[in-house]
Amino acid sequence: MAAKYQQLFLQMLKENEEVLGEFKILHDKYATDPNSYQDEYNEEGEKILDVIRKYEDMLTSHTENSGYGKYAANLSDKFRSAVKLIYPKLDFIGVKKA
């Protein structure tokens, strides 16, 4: 059986297949030409970050409330790492054009 963060990651991909697929196309365009796509990437990326945060919160909410804050942070890091395998430029959402 997959770890909890992997299960939620796969659930996120399945439940948001259309919007995440569209963002992947934009993400790949951004990776090849950041200056041309930065504004659109920032705008659409904020929506994607909301989706990611929703599932990340689902993953860590019970853990943080039970006094295992450090464990929750590790789960969150693992979840984000899985997301970055698909969207390596995720951290560039919100960057201003030069």
N, C-alpha and C. Protein backbone atom coordinates (compact mmCIF):
# COMPACT_ATOMS: atom_id res chain seq x y z
N MET A 1 0.83 -1.17 0.00
CA MET A 1 0.00 0.00 0.00
C MET A 1 0.89 1.26 0.00
N ALA A 2 0.49 2.25 -0.78
CA ALA A 2 1.26 3.48 -0.90
C ALA A 2 1.14 4.30 0.39
N ALA A 3 2.15 5.13 0.60
CA ALA A 3 2.13 6.02 1.75
C ALA A 3 0.98 7.02 1.61
N LYS A 4 0.57 7.59 2.73
CA LYS A 4 -0.57 8.51 2.74
C LYS A 4 -0.35 9.70 1.78
N TYR A 5 0.86 10.27 1.78
CA TYR A 5 1.10 11.42 0.89
C TYR A 5 1.01 11.01 -0.58
N GLN A 6 1.43 9.78 -0.88
CA GLN A 6 1.33 9.29 -2.26
C GLN A 6 -0.13 9.07 -2.65
N GLN A 7 -0.91 8.55 -1.74
CA GLN A 7 -2.34 8.34 -2.02
C GLN A 7 -3.04 9.67 -2.30
N LEU A 8 -2.77 10.67 -1.46
CA LEU A 8 -3.39 11.97 -1.66
C LEU A 8 -2.87 12.65 -2.92
N PHE A 9 -1.62 12.45 -3.24
CA PHE A 9 -1.05 12.99 -4.47
C PHE A 9 -1.77 12.41 -5.69
N LEU A 10 -1.94 11.10 -5.70
CA LEU A 10 -2.64 10.45 -6.81
C LEU A 10 -4.11 10.86 -6.86
N GLN A 11 -4.72 11.03 -5.70
CA GLN A 11 -6.10 11.50 -5.63
C GLN A 11 -6.21 12.91 -6.22
N MET A 12 -5.26 13.76 -5.89
CA MET A 12 -5.25 15.12 -6.42
C MET A 12 -5.15 15.10 -7.94
N LEU A 13 -4.25 14.28 -8.46
CA LEU A 13 -4.08 14.19 -9.91
C LEU A 13 -5.36 13.70 -10.60
N LYS A 14 -5.99 12.73 -10.00
CA LYS A 14 -7.19 12.15 -10.59
C LYS A 14 -8.37 13.13 -10.54
N GLU A 15 -8.58 13.76 -9.39
CA GLU A 15 -9.73 14.63 -9.20
C GLU A 15 -9.58 15.98 -9.92
N ASN A 16 -8.36 16.33 -10.29
CA ASN A 16 -8.10 17.61 -10.96
C ASN A 16 -7.37 17.41 -12.27
N GLU A 17 -7.65 16.30 -12.92
CA GLU A 17 -6.92 15.90 -14.12
C GLU A 17 -6.94 16.99 -15.20
N GLU A 18 -8.10 17.57 -15.45
CA GLU A 18 -8.22 18.55 -16.53
C GLU A 18 -7.40 19.81 -16.26
N VAL A 19 -7.62 20.42 -15.11
CA VAL A 19 -6.93 21.67 -14.79
C VAL A 19 -5.42 21.46 -14.63
N LEU A 20 -5.02 20.35 -14.04
CA LEU A 20 -3.60 20.06 -13.89
C LEU A 20 -2.94 19.75 -15.24
N GLY A 21 -3.68 19.09 -16.12
CA GLY A 21 -3.17 18.80 -17.46
C GLY A 21 -2.96 20.06 -18.26
N GLU A 22 -3.92 20.98 -18.18
CA GLU A 22 -3.79 22.26 -18.87
C GLU A 22 -2.60 23.06 -18.32
N PHE A 23 -2.44 23.02 -16.99
CA PHE A 23 -1.32 23.74 -16.39
C PHE A 23 0.01 23.11 -16.79
N LYS A 24 0.05 21.81 -16.96
CA LYS A 24 1.30 21.14 -17.36
C LYS A 24 1.77 21.66 -18.72
N ILE A 25 0.81 21.88 -19.62
CA ILE A 25 1.17 22.42 -20.94
C ILE A 25 1.77 23.82 -20.78
N LEU A 26 1.12 24.66 -19.99
CA LEU A 26 1.64 26.00 -19.73
C LEU A 26 2.99 25.93 -19.01
N HIS A 27 3.10 25.04 -18.05
CA HIS A 27 4.35 24.87 -17.29
C HIS A 27 5.50 24.54 -18.24
N ASP A 28 5.26 23.63 -19.17
CA ASP A 28 6.31 23.24 -20.10
C ASP A 28 6.68 24.38 -21.04
N LYS A 29 5.70 25.18 -21.45
CA LYS A 29 5.98 26.36 -22.28
C LYS A 29 6.81 27.36 -21.47
N TYR A 30 6.42 27.55 -20.22
CA TYR A 30 7.15 28.46 -19.34
C TYR A 30 8.59 28.00 -19.15
N ALA A 31 8.80 26.73 -19.03
CA ALA A 31 10.15 26.20 -18.81
C ALA A 31 11.07 26.52 -19.99
N THR A 32 10.50 26.59 -21.19
CA THR A 32 11.32 26.88 -22.37
C THR A 32 11.46 28.37 -22.64
N ASP A 33 10.48 29.19 -22.20
CA ASP A 33 10.51 30.63 -22.47
C ASP A 33 9.84 31.40 -21.33
N PRO A 34 10.52 31.53 -20.20
CA PRO A 34 9.91 32.15 -19.02
C PRO A 34 9.43 33.58 -19.24
N ASN A 35 10.18 34.37 -19.97
CA ASN A 35 9.80 35.78 -20.15
C ASN A 35 8.48 35.94 -20.87
N SER A 36 8.21 35.11 -21.84
CA SER A 36 6.97 35.23 -22.62
C SER A 36 5.75 34.76 -21.84
N TYR A 37 5.93 33.85 -20.93
CA TYR A 37 4.79 33.21 -20.25
C TYR A 37 4.65 33.56 -18.77
N GLN A 38 5.51 34.44 -18.24
CA GLN A 38 5.53 34.69 -16.80
C GLN A 38 4.18 35.17 -16.26
N ASP A 39 3.56 36.13 -16.92
CA ASP A 39 2.30 36.67 -16.40
C ASP A 39 1.20 35.61 -16.38
N GLU A 40 1.06 34.89 -17.48
CA GLU A 40 0.05 33.83 -17.55
C GLU A 40 0.36 32.72 -16.54
N TYR A 41 1.65 32.39 -16.42
CA TYR A 41 2.09 31.35 -15.49
C TYR A 41 1.76 31.74 -14.05
N ASN A 42 1.98 33.00 -13.71
CA ASN A 42 1.65 33.47 -12.36
C ASN A 42 0.15 33.37 -12.10
N GLU A 43 -0.65 33.82 -13.06
CA GLU A 43 -2.10 33.84 -12.88
C GLU A 43 -2.67 32.43 -12.75
N GLU A 44 -2.31 31.57 -13.67
CA GLU A 44 -2.82 30.19 -13.64
C GLU A 44 -2.18 29.40 -12.49
N GLY A 45 -0.93 29.73 -12.20
CA GLY A 45 -0.21 29.04 -11.13
C GLY A 45 -0.84 29.24 -9.77
N GLU A 46 -1.40 30.41 -9.52
CA GLU A 46 -2.07 30.67 -8.24
C GLU A 46 -3.24 29.71 -8.05
N LYS A 47 -3.97 29.43 -9.11
CA LYS A 47 -5.09 28.49 -9.04
C LYS A 47 -4.58 27.08 -8.71
N ILE A 48 -3.46 26.72 -9.32
CA ILE A 48 -2.87 25.39 -9.09
C ILE A 48 -2.35 25.29 -7.66
N LEU A 49 -1.75 26.36 -7.17
CA LEU A 49 -1.26 26.35 -5.79
C LEU A 49 -2.42 26.16 -4.81
N ASP A 50 -3.57 26.73 -5.12
CA ASP A 50 -4.74 26.53 -4.27
C ASP A 50 -5.14 25.06 -4.22
N VAL A 51 -5.10 24.40 -5.38
CA VAL A 51 -5.42 22.97 -5.44
C VAL A 51 -4.41 22.17 -4.62
N ILE A 52 -3.14 22.47 -4.81
CA ILE A 52 -2.08 21.75 -4.09
C ILE A 52 -2.22 21.96 -2.58
N ARG A 53 -2.46 23.20 -2.17
CA ARG A 53 -2.61 23.50 -0.74
C ARG A 53 -3.79 22.75 -0.12
N LYS A 54 -4.86 22.63 -0.88
CA LYS A 54 -6.05 21.92 -0.38
C LYS A 54 -5.68 20.49 0.00
N TYR A 55 -4.97 19.80 -0.88
CA TYR A 55 -4.60 18.41 -0.61
C TYR A 55 -3.48 18.32 0.43
N GLU A 56 -2.60 19.28 0.43
CA GLU A 56 -1.54 19.31 1.43
C GLU A 56 -2.15 19.51 2.82
N ASP A 57 -3.14 20.38 2.91
CA ASP A 57 -3.83 20.59 4.19
C ASP A 57 -4.56 19.33 4.64
N MET A 58 -5.17 18.64 3.71
CA MET A 58 -5.85 17.38 4.04
C MET A 58 -4.84 16.38 4.62
N LEU A 59 -3.65 16.40 4.08
CA LEU A 59 -2.60 15.47 4.51
C LEU A 59 -2.10 15.78 5.92
N THR A 60 -1.94 17.06 6.21
CA THR A 60 -1.27 17.43 7.46
C THR A 60 -2.19 17.88 8.58
N SER A 61 -3.44 18.15 8.31
CA SER A 61 -4.32 18.74 9.32
C SER A 61 -4.44 17.89 10.58
N HIS A 62 -4.67 16.61 10.45
CA HIS A 62 -4.83 15.75 11.63
C HIS A 62 -3.51 15.58 12.37
N THR A 63 -2.42 15.55 11.63
CA THR A 63 -1.12 15.35 12.24
C THR A 63 -0.71 16.55 13.08
N GLU A 64 -0.91 17.76 12.53
CA GLU A 64 -0.53 18.96 13.26
C GLU A 64 -1.36 19.12 14.53
N ASN A 65 -2.63 18.80 14.47
CA ASN A 65 -3.52 18.96 15.62
C ASN A 65 -3.24 17.95 16.73
N SER A 66 -2.55 16.88 16.38
CA SER A 66 -2.30 15.85 17.39
C SER A 66 -0.92 16.00 18.04
N GLY A 67 -0.23 17.09 17.74
CA GLY A 67 1.06 17.34 18.39
C GLY A 67 2.26 16.78 17.64
N TYR A 68 2.08 16.38 16.41
CA TYR A 68 3.18 15.84 15.61
C TYR A 68 3.55 16.83 14.50
N GLY A 69 3.82 18.06 14.88
CA GLY A 69 4.11 19.12 13.92
C GLY A 69 5.30 18.83 13.03
N LYS A 70 6.36 18.28 13.59
CA LYS A 70 7.56 17.98 12.80
C LYS A 70 7.25 16.89 11.78
N TYR A 71 6.49 15.90 12.18
CA TYR A 71 6.08 14.84 11.26
C TYR A 71 5.23 15.42 10.13
N ALA A 72 4.35 16.36 10.46
CA ALA A 72 3.50 17.00 9.46
C ALA A 72 4.35 17.75 8.45
N ALA A 73 5.38 18.42 8.91
CA ALA A 73 6.28 19.15 8.01
C ALA A 73 6.98 18.18 7.06
N ASN A 74 7.39 17.03 7.57
CA ASN A 74 8.03 16.02 6.71
C ASN A 74 7.05 15.50 5.66
N LEU A 75 5.81 15.26 6.07
CA LEU A 75 4.79 14.81 5.11
C LEU A 75 4.57 15.86 4.04
N SER A 76 4.50 17.09 4.44
CA SER A 76 4.30 18.19 3.51
C SER A 76 5.46 18.27 2.52
N ASP A 77 6.68 18.12 3.00
CA ASP A 77 7.85 18.14 2.13
C ASP A 77 7.81 17.00 1.12
N LYS A 78 7.43 15.82 1.55
CA LYS A 78 7.34 14.68 0.66
C LYS A 78 6.27 14.91 -0.41
N PHE A 79 5.14 15.47 0.01
CA PHE A 79 4.05 15.76 -0.92
C PHE A 79 4.52 16.78 -1.96
N ARG A 80 5.14 17.85 -1.51
CA ARG A 80 5.65 18.89 -2.43
C ARG A 80 6.71 18.32 -3.38
N SER A 81 7.54 17.42 -2.88
CA SER A 81 8.55 16.80 -3.74
C SER A 81 7.90 15.99 -4.85
N ALA A 82 6.82 15.29 -4.52
CA ALA A 82 6.10 14.52 -5.54
C ALA A 82 5.49 15.45 -6.58
N VAL A 83 4.96 16.58 -6.14
CA VAL A 83 4.38 17.56 -7.07
C VAL A 83 5.47 18.12 -7.98
N LYS A 84 6.64 18.39 -7.41
CA LYS A 84 7.73 18.99 -8.19
C LYS A 84 8.34 18.02 -9.21
N LEU A 85 8.07 16.75 -9.06
CA LEU A 85 8.52 15.81 -10.09
C LEU A 85 7.77 16.08 -11.40
N ILE A 86 6.53 16.52 -11.30
CA ILE A 86 5.72 16.83 -12.48
C ILE A 86 5.88 18.30 -12.88
N TYR A 87 5.96 19.17 -11.88
CA TYR A 87 6.05 20.62 -12.10
C TYR A 87 7.32 21.18 -11.45
N PRO A 88 8.49 20.93 -12.06
CA PRO A 88 9.73 21.38 -11.43
C PRO A 88 9.85 22.90 -11.28
N LYS A 89 9.13 23.66 -12.07
CA LYS A 89 9.20 25.13 -12.00
C LYS A 89 8.12 25.72 -11.09
N LEU A 90 7.53 24.91 -10.24
CA LEU A 90 6.45 25.34 -9.37
C LEU A 90 6.83 26.54 -8.51
N ASP A 91 8.06 26.59 -8.06
CA ASP A 91 8.51 27.67 -7.18
C ASP A 91 8.61 29.02 -7.88
N PHE A 92 8.47 29.04 -9.19
CA PHE A 92 8.57 30.28 -9.95
C PHE A 92 7.22 30.97 -10.13
N ILE A 93 6.17 30.40 -9.55
CA ILE A 93 4.87 31.05 -9.59
C ILE A 93 4.95 32.29 -8.69
N GLY A 94 4.55 33.41 -9.24
CA GLY A 94 4.57 34.65 -8.49
C GLY A 94 5.79 35.51 -8.72
N VAL A 95 6.74 34.99 -9.48
CA VAL A 95 7.95 35.77 -9.79
C VAL A 95 7.58 36.90 -10.74
N LYS A 96 8.10 38.08 -10.48
CA LYS A 96 7.84 39.24 -11.34
C LYS A 96 8.81 39.26 -12.51
N LYS A 97 8.31 39.74 -13.65
CA LYS A 97 9.16 39.88 -14.83
C LYS A 97 10.28 40.87 -14.55
N ALA A 98 11.42 40.59 -15.15
CA ALA A 98 12.57 41.48 -14.97
C ALA A 98 12.43 42.72 -15.84
